[in-house]
Amino acid sequence: MAYSYTVTRTKASGDGEIFIKVVETETQTTSEFEIEVPSSGRILRWKAHGSQSHIDQKFAPIIGEVTGGETVIPIVDRAMVFSPAAQTHDESSIVSPVYRTSTNKLYVRSTPDNNLGSSDTITHYIYIRPTWGR
């Protein structure tokens, strides 16, 4: 099997907030997924859950407006670590990252420490609020 991902995008509230769920399977160190987003917005919350068998597997998402891993939005200032007890990381911050894109797309690389196996998944839960400029 090879890397794959699915994206589910739904409206989260009457304020236009968007909930995006992405499930990656067999994530490789250079795997990348794409999500449709408003042209500008604020990432309110980014939660990730790993079901991989690797203990203490780390990954540090790289998020960009262009494909290829160019970093334009610093979502985390440290690597996300899945602990053996609770393989969930919740990146909620008081200062939510703001983005602007001319293509209405963001590209994300999970960049795990090691390539993951076919039974391993990473699930991302992303909450975005559209904005009108930076």
C-alpha atoms as a PDB file:
ATOM      1  CA  MET A   1       0.000   0.000   0.000  1.00  0.00           C
ATOM      2  CA  ALA A   2       1.131   3.599  -0.498  1.00  0.00           C
ATOM      3  CA  TYR A   3       0.568   6.906   1.232  1.00  0.00           C
ATOM      4  CA  SER A   4      -3.009   8.131   1.119  1.00  0.00           C
ATOM      5  CA  TYR A   5      -5.165  10.721   2.821  1.00  0.00           C
ATOM      6  CA  THR A   6      -8.805  11.717   3.054  1.00  0.00           C
ATOM      7  CA  VAL A   7     -10.145  15.192   3.793  1.00  0.00           C
ATOM      8  CA  THR A   8     -13.558  16.001   5.277  1.00  0.00           C
ATOM      9  CA  ARG A   9     -14.486  19.700   5.383  1.00  0.00           C
ATOM     10  CA  THR A  10     -17.607  20.954   7.175  1.00  0.00           C
ATOM     11  CA  LYS A  11     -18.966  24.262   8.418  1.00  0.00           C
ATOM     12  CA  ALA A  12     -18.493  24.344  12.196  1.00  0.00           C
ATOM     13  CA  SER A  13     -20.630  27.351  13.153  1.00  0.00           C
ATOM     14  CA  GLY A  14     -22.819  30.166  11.931  1.00  0.00           C
ATOM     15  CA  ASP A  15     -19.772  32.446  12.133  1.00  0.00           C
ATOM     16  CA  GLY A  16     -18.244  30.711   9.125  1.00  0.00           C
ATOM     17  CA  GLU A  17     -15.761  28.647  11.113  1.00  0.00           C
ATOM     18  CA  ILE A  18     -14.588  25.540   9.281  1.00  0.00           C
ATOM     19  CA  PHE A  19     -13.742  22.116  10.664  1.00  0.00           C
ATOM     20  CA  ILE A  20     -11.336  20.034   8.589  1.00  0.00           C
ATOM     21  CA  LYS A  21     -10.526  16.416   9.380  1.00  0.00           C
ATOM     22  CA  VAL A  22      -7.609  14.763   7.588  1.00  0.00           C
ATOM     23  CA  VAL A  23      -6.670  11.098   7.984  1.00  0.00           C
ATOM     24  CA  GLU A  24      -3.249  10.084   6.695  1.00  0.00           C
ATOM     25  CA  THR A  25      -2.271   6.444   6.227  1.00  0.00           C
ATOM     26  CA  GLU A  26       1.278   5.140   5.774  1.00  0.00           C
ATOM     27  CA  THR A  27       2.737   8.635   6.157  1.00  0.00           C
ATOM     28  CA  GLN A  28       6.264   9.001   4.825  1.00  0.00           C
ATOM     29  CA  THR A  29       8.815  11.656   5.782  1.00  0.00           C
ATOM     30  CA  THR A  30       8.023  13.603   2.582  1.00  0.00           C
ATOM     31  CA  SER A  31       4.268  12.880   2.305  1.00  0.00           C
ATOM     32  CA  GLU A  32       2.115  15.943   1.782  1.00  0.00           C
ATOM     33  CA  PHE A  33      -1.611  16.648   1.837  1.00  0.00           C
ATOM     34  CA  GLU A  34      -3.598  19.615   0.589  1.00  0.00           C
ATOM     35  CA  ILE A  35      -6.604  21.316   2.193  1.00  0.00           C
ATOM     36  CA  GLU A  36      -9.016  23.886   0.779  1.00  0.00           C
ATOM     37  CA  VAL A  37      -9.267  26.976   2.971  1.00  0.00           C
ATOM     38  CA  PRO A  38     -10.635  30.524   2.767  1.00  0.00           C
ATOM     39  CA  SER A  39      -8.168  32.972   1.186  1.00  0.00           C
ATOM     40  CA  SER A  40      -7.283  34.310   4.632  1.00  0.00           C
ATOM     41  CA  GLY A  41      -7.993  32.932   8.050  1.00  0.00           C
ATOM     42  CA  ARG A  42      -6.896  32.135  11.558  1.00  0.00           C
ATOM     43  CA  ILE A  43      -6.123  28.576  12.639  1.00  0.00           C
ATOM     44  CA  LEU A  44      -7.957  28.360  15.959  1.00  0.00           C
ATOM     45  CA  ARG A  45      -6.982  24.811  16.861  1.00  0.00           C
ATOM     46  CA  TRP A  46      -4.899  21.997  15.409  1.00  0.00           C
ATOM     47  CA  LYS A  47      -5.285  18.637  17.102  1.00  0.00           C
ATOM     48  CA  ALA A  48      -3.581  15.469  15.934  1.00  0.00           C
ATOM     49  CA  HIS A  49      -3.994  11.858  16.983  1.00  0.00           C
ATOM     50  CA  GLY A  50      -1.558   9.108  16.071  1.00  0.00           C
ATOM     51  CA  SER A  51      -2.528   5.461  16.060  1.00  0.00           C
ATOM     52  CA  GLN A  52       0.903   4.284  15.010  1.00  0.00           C
ATOM     53  CA  SER A  53       2.676   1.493  16.766  1.00  0.00           C
ATOM     54  CA  HIS A  54       5.888   3.507  17.124  1.00  0.00           C
ATOM     55  CA  ILE A  55       6.377   4.678  20.699  1.00  0.00           C
ATOM     56  CA  ASP A  56       7.322   8.359  20.988  1.00  0.00           C
ATOM     57  CA  GLN A  57       7.037   8.949  17.254  1.00  0.00           C
ATOM     58  CA  LYS A  58       7.608  12.652  16.595  1.00  0.00           C
ATOM     59  CA  PHE A  59       6.311  14.796  13.805  1.00  0.00           C
ATOM     60  CA  ALA A  60       6.428  18.531  13.160  1.00  0.00           C
ATOM     61  CA  PRO A  61       3.899  19.748  10.588  1.00  0.00           C
ATOM     62  CA  ILE A  62       5.188  22.065   7.885  1.00  0.00           C
ATOM     63  CA  ILE A  63       2.400  24.185   6.449  1.00  0.00           C
ATOM     64  CA  GLY A  64       2.784  26.269   3.314  1.00  0.00           C
ATOM     65  CA  GLU A  65       0.962  28.036   0.508  1.00  0.00           C
ATOM     66  CA  VAL A  66       3.017  26.157  -2.073  1.00  0.00           C
ATOM     67  CA  THR A  67       3.682  22.460  -2.452  1.00  0.00           C
ATOM     68  CA  GLY A  68       7.098  21.129  -1.519  1.00  0.00           C
ATOM     69  CA  GLY A  69       7.317  21.899   2.163  1.00  0.00           C
ATOM     70  CA  GLU A  70       8.076  25.621   2.176  1.00  0.00           C
ATOM     71  CA  THR A  71       7.258  26.865   5.662  1.00  0.00           C
ATOM     72  CA  VAL A  72       5.071  29.956   5.786  1.00  0.00           C
ATOM     73  CA  ILE A  73       2.998  29.380   8.925  1.00  0.00           C
ATOM     74  CA  PRO A  74       4.703  28.438  12.189  1.00  0.00           C
ATOM     75  CA  ILE A  75       2.010  26.216  13.716  1.00  0.00           C
ATOM     76  CA  VAL A  76       4.235  24.615  16.306  1.00  0.00           C
ATOM     77  CA  ASP A  77       7.492  25.683  17.853  1.00  0.00           C
ATOM     78  CA  ARG A  78       8.436  22.162  18.809  1.00  0.00           C
ATOM     79  CA  ALA A  79       7.972  18.626  17.523  1.00  0.00           C
ATOM     80  CA  MET A  80       4.695  16.947  18.399  1.00  0.00           C
ATOM     81  CA  VAL A  81       5.380  13.797  20.405  1.00  0.00           C
ATOM     82  CA  PHE A  82       2.908  10.941  20.711  1.00  0.00           C
ATOM     83  CA  SER A  83       3.300   9.434  24.153  1.00  0.00           C
ATOM     84  CA  PRO A  84       2.584   5.741  24.758  1.00  0.00           C
ATOM     85  CA  ALA A  85      -0.280   6.526  27.148  1.00  0.00           C
ATOM     86  CA  ALA A  86      -2.172   9.086  25.076  1.00  0.00           C
ATOM     87  CA  GLN A  87      -1.170   9.404  21.456  1.00  0.00           C
ATOM     88  CA  THR A  88      -2.800  12.805  21.036  1.00  0.00           C
ATOM     89  CA  HIS A  89      -1.267  16.220  20.618  1.00  0.00           C
ATOM     90  CA  ASP A  90      -3.387  19.368  20.912  1.00  0.00           C
ATOM     91  CA  GLU A  91      -1.824  22.556  19.574  1.00  0.00           C
ATOM     92  CA  SER A  92      -4.132  25.260  20.906  1.00  0.00           C
ATOM     93  CA  SER A  93      -2.613  28.627  21.516  1.00  0.00           C
ATOM     94  CA  ILE A  94      -3.701  32.051  22.725  1.00  0.00           C
ATOM     95  CA  VAL A  95      -2.173  33.632  19.633  1.00  0.00           C
ATOM     96  CA  SER A  96      -3.658  31.678  16.726  1.00  0.00           C
ATOM     97  CA  PRO A  97      -1.626  31.649  13.508  1.00  0.00           C
ATOM     98  CA  VAL A  98      -3.014  33.797  10.689  1.00  0.00           C
ATOM     99  CA  TYR A  99      -2.481  32.852   7.039  1.00  0.00           C
ATOM    100  CA  ARG A 100      -3.176  34.324   3.621  1.00  0.00           C
ATOM    101  CA  THR A 101      -3.197  32.302   0.414  1.00  0.00           C
ATOM    102  CA  SER A 102      -3.889  33.288  -3.182  1.00  0.00           C
ATOM    103  CA  THR A 103      -4.817  29.717  -4.169  1.00  0.00           C
ATOM    104  CA  ASN A 104      -7.291  28.895  -1.356  1.00  0.00           C
ATOM    105  CA  LYS A 105      -5.110  25.904  -0.531  1.00  0.00           C
ATOM    106  CA  LEU A 106      -2.613  25.030   2.161  1.00  0.00           C
ATOM    107  CA  TYR A 107      -0.148  22.168   1.830  1.00  0.00           C
ATOM    108  CA  VAL A 108       0.858  20.175   4.902  1.00  0.00           C
ATOM    109  CA  ARG A 109       3.691  17.744   5.544  1.00  0.00           C
ATOM    110  CA  SER A 110       3.507  15.838   8.821  1.00  0.00           C
ATOM    111  CA  THR A 111       7.229  15.010   8.548  1.00  0.00           C
ATOM    112  CA  PRO A 112       7.398  12.050  10.956  1.00  0.00           C
ATOM    113  CA  ASP A 113      10.752  10.911  12.340  1.00  0.00           C
ATOM    114  CA  ASN A 114      10.402   7.655  10.395  1.00  0.00           C
ATOM    115  CA  ASN A 115       8.232   6.383   7.585  1.00  0.00           C
ATOM    116  CA  LEU A 116       5.044   4.879   9.016  1.00  0.00           C
ATOM    117  CA  GLY A 117       3.638   1.449   8.145  1.00  0.00           C
ATOM    118  CA  SER A 118       0.418   0.597   6.328  1.00  0.00           C
ATOM    119  CA  SER A 119      -1.529   0.123   9.559  1.00  0.00           C
ATOM    120  CA  ASP A 120      -0.361   3.459  10.982  1.00  0.00           C
ATOM    121  CA  THR A 121      -2.454   6.627  10.749  1.00  0.00           C
ATOM    122  CA  ILE A 122      -2.289  10.255  11.784  1.00  0.00           C
ATOM    123  CA  THR A 123      -5.612  12.073  12.125  1.00  0.00           C
ATOM    124  CA  HIS A 124      -5.640  15.877  12.084  1.00  0.00           C
ATOM    125  CA  TYR A 125      -8.518  18.016  13.386  1.00  0.00           C
ATOM    126  CA  ILE A 126      -8.196  21.620  12.193  1.00  0.00           C
ATOM    127  CA  TYR A 127     -10.485  24.524  13.131  1.00  0.00           C
ATOM    128  CA  ILE A 128     -10.261  27.680  10.990  1.00  0.00           C
ATOM    129  CA  ARG A 129     -11.997  31.054  11.199  1.00  0.00           C
ATOM    130  CA  PRO A 130     -12.042  33.066   7.959  1.00  0.00           C
ATOM    131  CA  THR A 131     -10.678  36.615   8.230  1.00  0.00           C
ATOM    132  CA  TRP A 132     -10.554  39.642   5.976  1.00  0.00           C
ATOM    133  CA  GLY A 133      -6.855  40.325   5.891  1.00  0.00           C
ATOM    134  CA  ARG A 134      -3.998  39.929   8.324  1.00  0.00           C
END
